[in-house]
Amino acid sequence: MKEEVSESAMRLRAMIEKAIADHKITREDYDKIIHIATEDGYIDRHEKTLLSQLQQMIEDRLVKFVI
């Protein structure tokens, strides 16, 4: 049985893909990403995966924080 992707996971993915394409992320965008992931009170499997991938890219400096 295939798990359906939540609407918030799709919005989260769009924001993360933009950060990846730009190779940068602002604190405001990062805060929006966290808000989207937690707004329904539950971080589903898809959201966890996306957040983990973004965090790894930040740690690897593939996506950089900008002021």
N, C-alpha and C. Protein backbone atom coordinates (compact mmCIF):
# COMPACT_ATOMS: atom_id res chain seq x y z
N MET A 1 0.84 -1.18 0.00
CA MET A 1 0.00 0.00 0.00
C MET A 1 0.88 1.25 0.00
N LYS A 2 0.62 2.15 -0.91
CA LYS A 2 1.42 3.36 -1.04
C LYS A 2 0.87 4.46 -0.14
N GLU A 3 1.78 5.07 0.63
CA GLU A 3 1.39 6.16 1.52
C GLU A 3 1.25 7.44 0.72
N GLU A 4 0.16 8.17 0.95
CA GLU A 4 -0.07 9.42 0.25
C GLU A 4 0.79 10.54 0.85
N VAL A 5 1.31 11.39 -0.01
CA VAL A 5 2.14 12.51 0.43
C VAL A 5 1.21 13.64 0.87
N SER A 6 1.47 14.18 2.05
CA SER A 6 0.63 15.25 2.59
C SER A 6 0.85 16.56 1.84
N GLU A 7 -0.13 17.43 1.95
CA GLU A 7 -0.04 18.76 1.32
C GLU A 7 1.13 19.55 1.91
N SER A 8 1.34 19.42 3.21
CA SER A 8 2.44 20.15 3.83
C SER A 8 3.79 19.60 3.36
N ALA A 9 3.88 18.30 3.12
CA ALA A 9 5.13 17.72 2.60
C ALA A 9 5.42 18.24 1.19
N MET A 10 4.38 18.44 0.39
CA MET A 10 4.58 18.98 -0.96
C MET A 10 5.05 20.43 -0.90
N ARG A 11 4.47 21.23 0.02
CA ARG A 11 4.93 22.62 0.18
C ARG A 11 6.35 22.66 0.70
N LEU A 12 6.65 21.77 1.64
CA LEU A 12 7.98 21.67 2.20
C LEU A 12 9.00 21.33 1.11
N ARG A 13 8.65 20.38 0.29
CA ARG A 13 9.53 19.97 -0.81
C ARG A 13 9.82 21.14 -1.74
N ALA A 14 8.79 21.93 -2.07
CA ALA A 14 8.97 23.07 -2.97
C ALA A 14 9.95 24.08 -2.38
N MET A 15 9.82 24.37 -1.09
CA MET A 15 10.74 25.32 -0.46
C MET A 15 12.16 24.78 -0.41
N ILE A 16 12.30 23.51 -0.10
CA ILE A 16 13.64 22.91 -0.02
C ILE A 16 14.27 22.84 -1.41
N GLU A 17 13.48 22.50 -2.42
CA GLU A 17 14.02 22.47 -3.79
C GLU A 17 14.51 23.84 -4.23
N LYS A 18 13.80 24.90 -3.81
CA LYS A 18 14.24 26.26 -4.14
C LYS A 18 15.59 26.54 -3.48
N ALA A 19 15.74 26.17 -2.21
CA ALA A 19 17.01 26.38 -1.51
C ALA A 19 18.14 25.62 -2.19
N ILE A 20 17.85 24.41 -2.63
CA ILE A 20 18.87 23.60 -3.32
C ILE A 20 19.25 24.25 -4.64
N ALA A 21 18.26 24.69 -5.39
CA ALA A 21 18.54 25.32 -6.69
C ALA A 21 19.35 26.60 -6.53
N ASP A 22 19.04 27.37 -5.47
CA ASP A 22 19.75 28.63 -5.21
C ASP A 22 21.09 28.41 -4.51
N HIS A 23 21.29 27.22 -3.94
CA HIS A 23 22.47 26.89 -3.13
C HIS A 23 22.59 27.79 -1.90
N LYS A 24 21.46 28.33 -1.47
CA LYS A 24 21.48 29.16 -0.27
C LYS A 24 20.10 29.17 0.37
N ILE A 25 20.09 29.52 1.65
CA ILE A 25 18.84 29.61 2.39
C ILE A 25 18.97 30.71 3.43
N THR A 26 17.94 31.51 3.58
CA THR A 26 17.95 32.54 4.60
C THR A 26 17.36 31.97 5.89
N ARG A 27 17.62 32.64 6.99
CA ARG A 27 17.05 32.23 8.27
C ARG A 27 15.52 32.26 8.18
N GLU A 28 14.98 33.25 7.49
CA GLU A 28 13.52 33.37 7.34
C GLU A 28 12.96 32.16 6.58
N ASP A 29 13.62 31.77 5.49
CA ASP A 29 13.17 30.60 4.73
C ASP A 29 13.28 29.33 5.56
N TYR A 30 14.37 29.19 6.31
CA TYR A 30 14.56 28.03 7.16
C TYR A 30 13.44 27.96 8.21
N ASP A 31 13.12 29.11 8.81
CA ASP A 31 12.04 29.16 9.80
C ASP A 31 10.70 28.79 9.16
N LYS A 32 10.46 29.22 7.93
CA LYS A 32 9.22 28.86 7.22
C LYS A 32 9.16 27.35 6.97
N ILE A 33 10.29 26.77 6.61
CA ILE A 33 10.35 25.33 6.38
C ILE A 33 10.00 24.57 7.66
N ILE A 34 10.57 24.98 8.78
CA ILE A 34 10.27 24.34 10.06
C ILE A 34 8.80 24.54 10.42
N HIS A 35 8.26 25.72 10.17
CA HIS A 35 6.85 25.99 10.45
C HIS A 35 5.94 25.07 9.63
N ILE A 36 6.23 24.93 8.35
CA ILE A 36 5.42 24.06 7.48
C ILE A 36 5.46 22.63 8.00
N ALA A 37 6.64 22.17 8.37
CA ALA A 37 6.80 20.79 8.83
C ALA A 37 6.04 20.53 10.13
N THR A 38 5.90 21.54 10.97
CA THR A 38 5.29 21.34 12.30
C THR A 38 3.90 21.91 12.45
N GLU A 39 3.37 22.56 11.43
CA GLU A 39 2.09 23.26 11.59
C GLU A 39 0.92 22.34 11.90
N ASP A 40 0.96 21.10 11.47
CA ASP A 40 -0.15 20.19 11.76
C ASP A 40 0.09 19.36 13.03
N GLY A 41 1.21 19.65 13.71
CA GLY A 41 1.51 18.95 14.96
C GLY A 41 2.11 17.58 14.76
N TYR A 42 2.41 17.22 13.51
CA TYR A 42 2.96 15.89 13.23
C TYR A 42 3.93 16.00 12.06
N ILE A 43 5.12 15.47 12.22
CA ILE A 43 6.09 15.44 11.13
C ILE A 43 6.05 14.03 10.55
N ASP A 44 5.47 13.93 9.34
CA ASP A 44 5.33 12.60 8.73
C ASP A 44 6.64 12.11 8.13
N ARG A 45 6.63 10.90 7.62
CA ARG A 45 7.83 10.26 7.10
C ARG A 45 8.45 11.07 5.96
N HIS A 46 7.64 11.58 5.08
CA HIS A 46 8.15 12.37 3.95
C HIS A 46 8.81 13.66 4.43
N GLU A 47 8.16 14.32 5.37
CA GLU A 47 8.71 15.56 5.92
C GLU A 47 10.04 15.30 6.64
N LYS A 48 10.11 14.22 7.40
CA LYS A 48 11.35 13.88 8.10
C LYS A 48 12.49 13.66 7.10
N THR A 49 12.19 12.97 6.02
CA THR A 49 13.21 12.69 5.00
C THR A 49 13.69 13.99 4.37
N LEU A 50 12.75 14.87 4.01
CA LEU A 50 13.11 16.14 3.39
C LEU A 50 13.96 17.00 4.34
N LEU A 51 13.55 17.07 5.59
CA LEU A 51 14.30 17.86 6.58
C LEU A 51 15.71 17.29 6.78
N SER A 52 15.80 15.98 6.81
CA SER A 52 17.09 15.33 6.98
C SER A 52 18.01 15.62 5.79
N GLN A 53 17.46 15.57 4.60
CA GLN A 53 18.25 15.86 3.39
C GLN A 53 18.72 17.30 3.38
N LEU A 54 17.84 18.22 3.75
CA LEU A 54 18.24 19.63 3.80
C LEU A 54 19.34 19.83 4.83
N GLN A 55 19.17 19.25 6.01
CA GLN A 55 20.19 19.38 7.06
C GLN A 55 21.54 18.85 6.59
N GLN A 56 21.52 17.72 5.91
CA GLN A 56 22.77 17.14 5.42
C GLN A 56 23.42 18.06 4.38
N MET A 57 22.62 18.66 3.52
CA MET A 57 23.16 19.59 2.52
C MET A 57 23.74 20.84 3.17
N ILE A 58 23.13 21.30 4.25
CA ILE A 58 23.66 22.45 4.98
C ILE A 58 24.99 22.06 5.63
N GLU A 59 25.03 20.90 6.25
CA GLU A 59 26.27 20.44 6.89
C GLU A 59 27.39 20.24 5.87
N ASP A 60 27.03 19.76 4.68
CA ASP A 60 28.02 19.54 3.62
C ASP A 60 28.34 20.83 2.84
N ARG A 61 27.70 21.90 3.23
CA ARG A 61 27.86 23.22 2.60
C ARG A 61 27.43 23.26 1.13
N LEU A 62 26.52 22.37 0.77
CA LEU A 62 25.94 22.42 -0.56
C LEU A 62 24.86 23.51 -0.61
N VAL A 63 24.25 23.75 0.56
CA VAL A 63 23.29 24.84 0.75
C VAL A 63 23.84 25.66 1.90
N LYS A 64 23.98 26.96 1.67
CA LYS A 64 24.59 27.83 2.69
C LYS A 64 23.57 28.80 3.25
N PHE A 65 23.71 29.08 4.56
CA PHE A 65 22.91 30.12 5.19
C PHE A 65 23.43 31.48 4.74
N VAL A 66 22.52 32.37 4.38
CA VAL A 66 22.91 33.73 4.03
C VAL A 66 22.14 34.71 4.92
N ILE A 67 22.74 35.85 5.11
CA ILE A 67 22.10 36.88 5.96
C ILE A 67 21.41 37.89 5.10
